[in-house]
Amino acid sequence: MPRRSSYTATFKLTVVDYAEKHGKWPAARHFGIDESNMRLWCRKKDELKKMPRSKKASRFRPAQFPELEERLLEYVANLRSQGLAVSILQVRINLRLRFSPKNRGLQTSRLHKIGVTGSWSVIIFQ
């Protein structure tokens, strides 16, 4: 099985531009990529233009709870403005305490679905 490849947004846009001039199949052969990738990149051309040129993937989906993320970002910014260090564990604990389904400050009907994992809380630190 061939090794999985990862391509930058710049490369993908170069391939898409070539495909628009010469066709998708010739572009796939020219660059040595699968035609299904080519079709996907052509569909996502506008999204690729918005991405940083060196970024290789758009893996994060839109926020499911934007108000929750906003409040967490405010919490982290507030602690940092006081010169305090903020850990991922601290963010996770704060999330569980302040934004539990018992808290009526947010739309709580779907909050129980949030998995407060380490990988999710890393997003706060980006």
N, C-alpha and C. Protein backbone atom coordinates (compact mmCIF):
# COMPACT_ATOMS: atom_id res chain seq x y z
N MET A 1 0.85 -1.18 0.00
CA MET A 1 0.00 0.00 0.00
C MET A 1 0.89 1.24 0.00
N PRO A 2 0.62 2.21 -0.89
CA PRO A 2 1.46 3.40 -0.95
C PRO A 2 1.31 4.25 0.31
N ARG A 3 2.36 4.97 0.60
CA ARG A 3 2.37 5.84 1.76
C ARG A 3 1.45 7.04 1.50
N ARG A 4 0.73 7.44 2.50
CA ARG A 4 -0.20 8.56 2.37
C ARG A 4 0.59 9.86 2.28
N SER A 5 0.21 10.73 1.34
CA SER A 5 0.91 11.99 1.13
C SER A 5 0.11 13.16 1.68
N SER A 6 0.82 14.22 1.99
CA SER A 6 0.20 15.43 2.48
C SER A 6 0.72 16.59 1.64
N TYR A 7 -0.17 17.46 1.19
CA TYR A 7 0.20 18.54 0.28
C TYR A 7 -0.17 19.89 0.86
N THR A 8 0.65 20.89 0.58
CA THR A 8 0.37 22.25 1.06
C THR A 8 -0.73 22.89 0.21
N ALA A 9 -1.31 23.94 0.76
CA ALA A 9 -2.35 24.67 0.02
C ALA A 9 -1.78 25.26 -1.26
N THR A 10 -0.53 25.72 -1.23
CA THR A 10 0.10 26.27 -2.43
C THR A 10 0.17 25.23 -3.53
N PHE A 11 0.61 24.03 -3.18
CA PHE A 11 0.69 22.96 -4.17
C PHE A 11 -0.69 22.63 -4.73
N LYS A 12 -1.67 22.53 -3.86
CA LYS A 12 -3.03 22.20 -4.30
C LYS A 12 -3.57 23.26 -5.26
N LEU A 13 -3.32 24.53 -4.96
CA LEU A 13 -3.78 25.60 -5.85
C LEU A 13 -3.05 25.58 -7.18
N THR A 14 -1.77 25.22 -7.16
CA THR A 14 -1.01 25.08 -8.40
C THR A 14 -1.61 23.98 -9.27
N VAL A 15 -1.95 22.87 -8.64
CA VAL A 15 -2.55 21.75 -9.36
C VAL A 15 -3.92 22.14 -9.92
N VAL A 16 -4.71 22.85 -9.12
CA VAL A 16 -6.05 23.28 -9.56
C VAL A 16 -5.93 24.23 -10.76
N ASP A 17 -5.00 25.17 -10.70
CA ASP A 17 -4.80 26.09 -11.83
C ASP A 17 -4.40 25.33 -13.09
N TYR A 18 -3.51 24.37 -12.94
CA TYR A 18 -3.08 23.55 -14.08
C TYR A 18 -4.27 22.77 -14.64
N ALA A 19 -5.09 22.24 -13.74
CA ALA A 19 -6.26 21.46 -14.17
C ALA A 19 -7.26 22.32 -14.93
N GLU A 20 -7.40 23.58 -14.53
CA GLU A 20 -8.33 24.47 -15.24
C GLU A 20 -7.86 24.77 -16.65
N LYS A 21 -6.55 24.75 -16.86
CA LYS A 21 -5.99 25.04 -18.18
C LYS A 21 -5.92 23.79 -19.07
N HIS A 22 -5.56 22.65 -18.47
CA HIS A 22 -5.26 21.45 -19.26
C HIS A 22 -6.22 20.29 -19.03
N GLY A 23 -7.07 20.37 -18.03
CA GLY A 23 -7.98 19.27 -17.72
C GLY A 23 -7.54 18.54 -16.46
N LYS A 24 -8.48 17.89 -15.81
CA LYS A 24 -8.19 17.24 -14.53
C LYS A 24 -7.31 16.00 -14.68
N TRP A 25 -7.62 15.16 -15.65
CA TRP A 25 -6.84 13.94 -15.80
C TRP A 25 -5.38 14.24 -16.20
N PRO A 26 -5.13 15.14 -17.18
CA PRO A 26 -3.75 15.47 -17.50
C PRO A 26 -3.00 16.10 -16.31
N ALA A 27 -3.70 16.91 -15.52
CA ALA A 27 -3.07 17.53 -14.35
C ALA A 27 -2.70 16.47 -13.31
N ALA A 28 -3.60 15.52 -13.11
CA ALA A 28 -3.31 14.44 -12.14
C ALA A 28 -2.08 13.65 -12.59
N ARG A 29 -1.98 13.33 -13.87
CA ARG A 29 -0.81 12.60 -14.38
C ARG A 29 0.44 13.45 -14.27
N HIS A 30 0.34 14.74 -14.62
CA HIS A 30 1.50 15.63 -14.60
C HIS A 30 2.10 15.75 -13.19
N PHE A 31 1.25 15.86 -12.19
CA PHE A 31 1.72 16.04 -10.82
C PHE A 31 1.84 14.73 -10.04
N GLY A 32 1.40 13.63 -10.65
CA GLY A 32 1.52 12.33 -10.01
C GLY A 32 0.62 12.14 -8.80
N ILE A 33 -0.60 12.66 -8.90
CA ILE A 33 -1.55 12.53 -7.79
C ILE A 33 -2.79 11.81 -8.28
N ASP A 34 -3.61 11.36 -7.36
CA ASP A 34 -4.84 10.67 -7.68
C ASP A 34 -5.87 11.67 -8.20
N GLU A 35 -6.65 11.24 -9.19
CA GLU A 35 -7.64 12.14 -9.77
C GLU A 35 -8.74 12.52 -8.78
N SER A 36 -9.03 11.63 -7.83
CA SER A 36 -10.07 11.96 -6.84
C SER A 36 -9.62 13.13 -5.96
N ASN A 37 -8.31 13.20 -5.63
CA ASN A 37 -7.79 14.36 -4.90
C ASN A 37 -7.97 15.62 -5.72
N MET A 38 -7.67 15.50 -6.99
CA MET A 38 -7.80 16.63 -7.91
C MET A 38 -9.23 17.17 -7.91
N ARG A 39 -10.20 16.30 -8.04
CA ARG A 39 -11.60 16.75 -8.06
C ARG A 39 -11.98 17.42 -6.74
N LEU A 40 -11.52 16.85 -5.63
CA LEU A 40 -11.80 17.42 -4.32
C LEU A 40 -11.20 18.82 -4.21
N TRP A 41 -9.95 18.97 -4.62
CA TRP A 41 -9.28 20.27 -4.54
C TRP A 41 -9.96 21.30 -5.44
N CYS A 42 -10.42 20.86 -6.60
CA CYS A 42 -11.12 21.79 -7.50
C CYS A 42 -12.42 22.29 -6.86
N ARG A 43 -13.12 21.39 -6.17
CA ARG A 43 -14.36 21.80 -5.48
C ARG A 43 -14.07 22.75 -4.33
N LYS A 44 -12.92 22.57 -3.68
CA LYS A 44 -12.59 23.37 -2.50
C LYS A 44 -11.63 24.52 -2.82
N LYS A 45 -11.60 24.96 -4.05
CA LYS A 45 -10.65 26.00 -4.46
C LYS A 45 -10.78 27.27 -3.61
N ASP A 46 -12.00 27.74 -3.40
CA ASP A 46 -12.20 28.97 -2.61
C ASP A 46 -11.69 28.80 -1.18
N GLU A 47 -11.94 27.64 -0.60
CA GLU A 47 -11.47 27.36 0.76
C GLU A 47 -9.94 27.32 0.79
N LEU A 48 -9.33 26.74 -0.23
CA LEU A 48 -7.87 26.66 -0.31
C LEU A 48 -7.24 28.05 -0.41
N LYS A 49 -7.91 28.96 -1.10
CA LYS A 49 -7.38 30.32 -1.25
C LYS A 49 -7.35 31.05 0.09
N LYS A 50 -8.24 30.71 0.98
CA LYS A 50 -8.32 31.37 2.29
C LYS A 50 -7.32 30.80 3.29
N MET A 51 -6.82 29.60 3.03
CA MET A 51 -5.91 28.93 3.96
C MET A 51 -4.52 29.54 3.89
N PRO A 52 -3.75 29.47 4.98
CA PRO A 52 -2.33 29.86 4.90
C PRO A 52 -1.64 28.96 3.87
N ARG A 53 -0.75 29.53 3.09
CA ARG A 53 -0.14 28.82 1.97
C ARG A 53 0.63 27.57 2.37
N SER A 54 1.18 27.55 3.57
CA SER A 54 1.98 26.38 3.98
C SER A 54 1.15 25.33 4.72
N LYS A 55 -0.12 25.64 4.97
CA LYS A 55 -0.98 24.69 5.69
C LYS A 55 -1.28 23.49 4.81
N LYS A 56 -1.30 22.32 5.42
CA LYS A 56 -1.48 21.10 4.64
C LYS A 56 -2.89 20.53 4.67
N ALA A 57 -3.69 20.87 5.65
CA ALA A 57 -5.03 20.29 5.73
C ALA A 57 -5.96 21.25 6.45
N SER A 58 -7.24 21.08 6.20
CA SER A 58 -8.24 21.84 6.96
C SER A 58 -9.04 20.83 7.75
N ARG A 59 -8.51 20.45 8.89
CA ARG A 59 -9.09 19.36 9.66
C ARG A 59 -10.14 19.80 10.66
N PHE A 60 -10.12 21.05 11.07
CA PHE A 60 -11.06 21.48 12.09
C PHE A 60 -12.36 21.92 11.46
N ARG A 61 -13.45 21.44 12.00
CA ARG A 61 -14.76 21.86 11.51
C ARG A 61 -15.19 23.10 12.29
N PRO A 62 -16.23 23.79 11.83
CA PRO A 62 -16.69 24.98 12.54
C PRO A 62 -17.09 24.63 13.98
N ALA A 63 -16.97 25.61 14.84
CA ALA A 63 -17.27 25.40 16.25
C ALA A 63 -18.72 24.97 16.44
N GLN A 64 -18.91 23.92 17.22
CA GLN A 64 -20.26 23.46 17.51
C GLN A 64 -20.90 24.32 18.60
N PHE A 65 -20.06 24.86 19.47
CA PHE A 65 -20.53 25.70 20.56
C PHE A 65 -19.72 27.00 20.56
N PRO A 66 -19.98 27.91 19.64
CA PRO A 66 -19.16 29.12 19.54
C PRO A 66 -19.19 29.99 20.80
N GLU A 67 -20.34 30.05 21.46
CA GLU A 67 -20.44 30.86 22.69
C GLU A 67 -19.55 30.26 23.78
N LEU A 68 -19.51 28.96 23.86
CA LEU A 68 -18.67 28.28 24.83
C LEU A 68 -17.20 28.57 24.56
N GLU A 69 -16.78 28.47 23.31
CA GLU A 69 -15.38 28.75 22.98
C GLU A 69 -15.03 30.19 23.28
N GLU A 70 -15.97 31.09 22.99
CA GLU A 70 -15.72 32.51 23.27
C GLU A 70 -15.50 32.75 24.76
N ARG A 71 -16.33 32.14 25.59
CA ARG A 71 -16.18 32.30 27.04
C ARG A 71 -14.88 31.69 27.55
N LEU A 72 -14.51 30.55 27.00
CA LEU A 72 -13.25 29.93 27.40
C LEU A 72 -12.05 30.79 26.99
N LEU A 73 -12.11 31.37 25.80
CA LEU A 73 -11.04 32.25 25.36
C LEU A 73 -10.93 33.47 26.26
N GLU A 74 -12.07 34.02 26.67
CA GLU A 74 -12.06 35.16 27.60
C GLU A 74 -11.43 34.75 28.93
N TYR A 75 -11.76 33.56 29.41
CA TYR A 75 -11.22 33.04 30.66
C TYR A 75 -9.69 32.93 30.58
N VAL A 76 -9.21 32.33 29.50
CA VAL A 76 -7.77 32.15 29.32
C VAL A 76 -7.08 33.51 29.17
N ALA A 77 -7.66 34.41 28.38
CA ALA A 77 -7.08 35.74 28.19
C ALA A 77 -7.02 36.50 29.50
N ASN A 78 -8.06 36.38 30.32
CA ASN A 78 -8.10 37.06 31.61
C ASN A 78 -6.98 36.56 32.53
N LEU A 79 -6.81 35.25 32.60
CA LEU A 79 -5.73 34.71 33.44
C LEU A 79 -4.36 35.13 32.93
N ARG A 80 -4.19 35.09 31.63
CA ARG A 80 -2.90 35.48 31.05
C ARG A 80 -2.61 36.96 31.25
N SER A 81 -3.65 37.81 31.21
CA SER A 81 -3.45 39.24 31.43
C SER A 81 -3.01 39.53 32.86
N GLN A 82 -3.35 38.63 33.78
CA GLN A 82 -2.92 38.76 35.18
C GLN A 82 -1.53 38.17 35.39
N GLY A 83 -0.93 37.68 34.30
CA GLY A 83 0.41 37.11 34.40
C GLY A 83 0.43 35.69 34.91
N LEU A 84 -0.71 35.02 34.88
CA LEU A 84 -0.80 33.65 35.37
C LEU A 84 -0.65 32.66 34.23
N ALA A 85 -0.03 31.55 34.51
CA ALA A 85 0.09 30.48 33.52
C ALA A 85 -1.23 29.73 33.46
N VAL A 86 -1.56 29.25 32.29
CA VAL A 86 -2.81 28.52 32.10
C VAL A 86 -2.48 27.16 31.50
N SER A 87 -2.93 26.12 32.16
CA SER A 87 -2.67 24.77 31.66
C SER A 87 -3.92 24.21 30.98
N ILE A 88 -3.72 23.19 30.18
CA ILE A 88 -4.84 22.53 29.53
C ILE A 88 -5.76 21.92 30.59
N LEU A 89 -5.17 21.33 31.62
CA LEU A 89 -5.97 20.74 32.70
C LEU A 89 -6.85 21.80 33.35
N GLN A 90 -6.31 22.98 33.56
CA GLN A 90 -7.06 24.07 34.16
C GLN A 90 -8.26 24.45 33.28
N VAL A 91 -8.07 24.49 31.98
CA VAL A 91 -9.15 24.82 31.05
C VAL A 91 -10.21 23.73 31.09
N ARG A 92 -9.78 22.49 31.12
CA ARG A 92 -10.74 21.38 31.15
C ARG A 92 -11.57 21.40 32.43
N ILE A 93 -10.93 21.66 33.55
CA ILE A 93 -11.65 21.72 34.83
C ILE A 93 -12.63 22.89 34.81
N ASN A 94 -12.17 24.04 34.32
CA ASN A 94 -13.04 25.21 34.24
C ASN A 94 -14.25 24.93 33.37
N LEU A 95 -14.02 24.24 32.28
CA LEU A 95 -15.12 23.90 31.38
C LEU A 95 -16.15 23.04 32.10
N ARG A 96 -15.69 22.03 32.78
CA ARG A 96 -16.62 21.13 33.49
C ARG A 96 -17.39 21.85 34.60
N LEU A 97 -16.72 22.72 35.34
CA LEU A 97 -17.37 23.40 36.46
C LEU A 97 -18.33 24.50 36.01
N ARG A 98 -17.86 25.37 35.13
CA ARG A 98 -18.65 26.54 34.75
C ARG A 98 -19.69 26.28 33.69
N PHE A 99 -19.47 25.29 32.83
CA PHE A 99 -20.35 25.10 31.69
C PHE A 99 -21.01 23.73 31.69
N SER A 100 -21.29 23.23 32.86
CA SER A 100 -21.99 21.95 32.95
C SER A 100 -23.46 22.16 32.58
N PRO A 101 -24.18 21.08 32.27
CA PRO A 101 -25.59 21.22 31.91
C PRO A 101 -26.44 21.90 32.97
N LYS A 102 -25.96 21.94 34.22
CA LYS A 102 -26.71 22.61 35.28
C LYS A 102 -26.64 24.12 35.15
N ASN A 103 -25.62 24.61 34.45
CA ASN A 103 -25.42 26.04 34.27
C ASN A 103 -26.42 26.54 33.24
N ARG A 104 -27.20 27.54 33.58
CA ARG A 104 -28.22 28.06 32.67
C ARG A 104 -27.71 29.24 31.84
N GLY A 105 -26.43 29.55 31.93
CA GLY A 105 -25.87 30.66 31.15
C GLY A 105 -25.72 30.35 29.68
N LEU A 106 -25.77 29.08 29.33
CA LEU A 106 -25.64 28.67 27.93
C LEU A 106 -26.83 27.80 27.55
N GLN A 107 -26.98 27.60 26.27
CA GLN A 107 -28.00 26.66 25.80
C GLN A 107 -27.48 25.27 26.18
N THR A 108 -28.06 24.68 27.20
CA THR A 108 -27.46 23.50 27.80
C THR A 108 -27.99 22.18 27.25
N SER A 109 -28.94 22.21 26.34
CA SER A 109 -29.54 20.96 25.88
C SER A 109 -28.52 20.07 25.19
N ARG A 110 -27.48 20.65 24.57
CA ARG A 110 -26.49 19.85 23.86
C ARG A 110 -25.13 19.83 24.55
N LEU A 111 -24.97 20.53 25.66
CA LEU A 111 -23.66 20.60 26.31
C LEU A 111 -23.16 19.25 26.79
N HIS A 112 -24.06 18.35 27.13
CA HIS A 112 -23.62 17.05 27.64
C HIS A 112 -22.88 16.26 26.57
N LYS A 113 -23.00 16.66 25.30
CA LYS A 113 -22.33 15.97 24.21
C LYS A 113 -20.85 16.35 24.09
N ILE A 114 -20.45 17.41 24.76
CA ILE A 114 -19.07 17.86 24.64
C ILE A 114 -18.15 16.87 25.34
N GLY A 115 -17.18 16.39 24.61
CA GLY A 115 -16.16 15.54 25.21
C GLY A 115 -14.99 16.42 25.56
N VAL A 116 -14.74 16.61 26.81
CA VAL A 116 -13.67 17.50 27.24
C VAL A 116 -12.37 16.69 27.25
N THR A 117 -11.81 16.51 26.07
CA THR A 117 -10.57 15.74 25.95
C THR A 117 -9.40 16.69 25.82
N GLY A 118 -8.23 16.15 25.99
CA GLY A 118 -7.02 16.95 25.86
C GLY A 118 -6.88 17.55 24.48
N SER A 119 -7.21 16.79 23.44
CA SER A 119 -7.06 17.31 22.08
C SER A 119 -8.03 18.44 21.80
N TRP A 120 -9.25 18.38 22.37
CA TRP A 120 -10.19 19.46 22.15
C TRP A 120 -9.72 20.74 22.82
N SER A 121 -9.20 20.62 24.05
CA SER A 121 -8.81 21.82 24.78
C SER A 121 -7.55 22.45 24.22
N VAL A 122 -6.78 21.74 23.43
CA VAL A 122 -5.58 22.33 22.80
C VAL A 122 -5.98 23.45 21.85
N ILE A 123 -7.17 23.39 21.28
CA ILE A 123 -7.65 24.40 20.35
C ILE A 123 -7.66 25.77 21.03
N ILE A 124 -7.96 25.80 22.30
CA ILE A 124 -8.02 27.05 23.05
C ILE A 124 -6.66 27.74 23.06
N PHE A 125 -5.57 26.99 23.00
CA PHE A 125 -4.23 27.55 23.11
C PHE A 125 -3.63 27.95 21.78
N GLN A 126 -4.36 27.81 20.70
CA GLN A 126 -3.82 28.20 19.38
C GLN A 126 -3.95 29.68 19.17
